[in-house]
Amino acid sequence: MDESLNKRARSVNWLQIFLGIFFLLTGSLIYIIDRPPEHTYFFSHYKFIKTLHNTLPAFFGPLGNFLPDYIHPLSFILITSGIVSCGKKGYRIICIFWLVIDCIFELGQKYSSLFIKAVPDWFTGIPFLEAFKNYFKKGTFDPYDIVAIFAGTLTAYFILTITIKKTPKADNT
């Protein structure tokens, strides 16, 4: 049993996971510095988490409007791929999965009335899940966000291909 756990730990691509977490933390700076706290779930619901909005000048400027949509698929693709460590074929599946998820959420802002109806009532009061209705209700669709999602996905795939672990068992097709 210890040997199988040891093998699994060795097959995890820690570089991809580290890069994914790095990008995720970098993307968090947008919400900490540039976004008003009432527009961010964590700041509006957990008062002990402090924001630097209006304390520091807006660091990301107009780019901060699109960076979260670029960084989200980028970071989650890297983290998922690093954990699964599955080769190029698996990387493509993971990229498509996160691309679709992010695009669905972005389109949910455009067609909010449909998506709000789809959110179950039992999400209310459950941390993170309760944010879904407000995300669709208050979010703003922007076609440039879709472009950013595609760019983040392509960047992630590029990073995955240059950080792939070369192992005899890996499916690198």
Foldseek 3Di string as FASTA:
>chain_A
DVVVVVVLVVLQQVVLLVVLVVLVVVLVLLVQEPNDQVVDQCVVPPVVDHGCYVVDPNDCPPVSVQSVLQSVLLSVLSNVCRNVLAALVVSVVSLVVSLVVSVVLLVCLVVVVVQLVVLDPVLPPPPPSNCSNVSNVVPHHDVVSNVSNVNSSVVNSVVCLVSRDDDPPHDHD
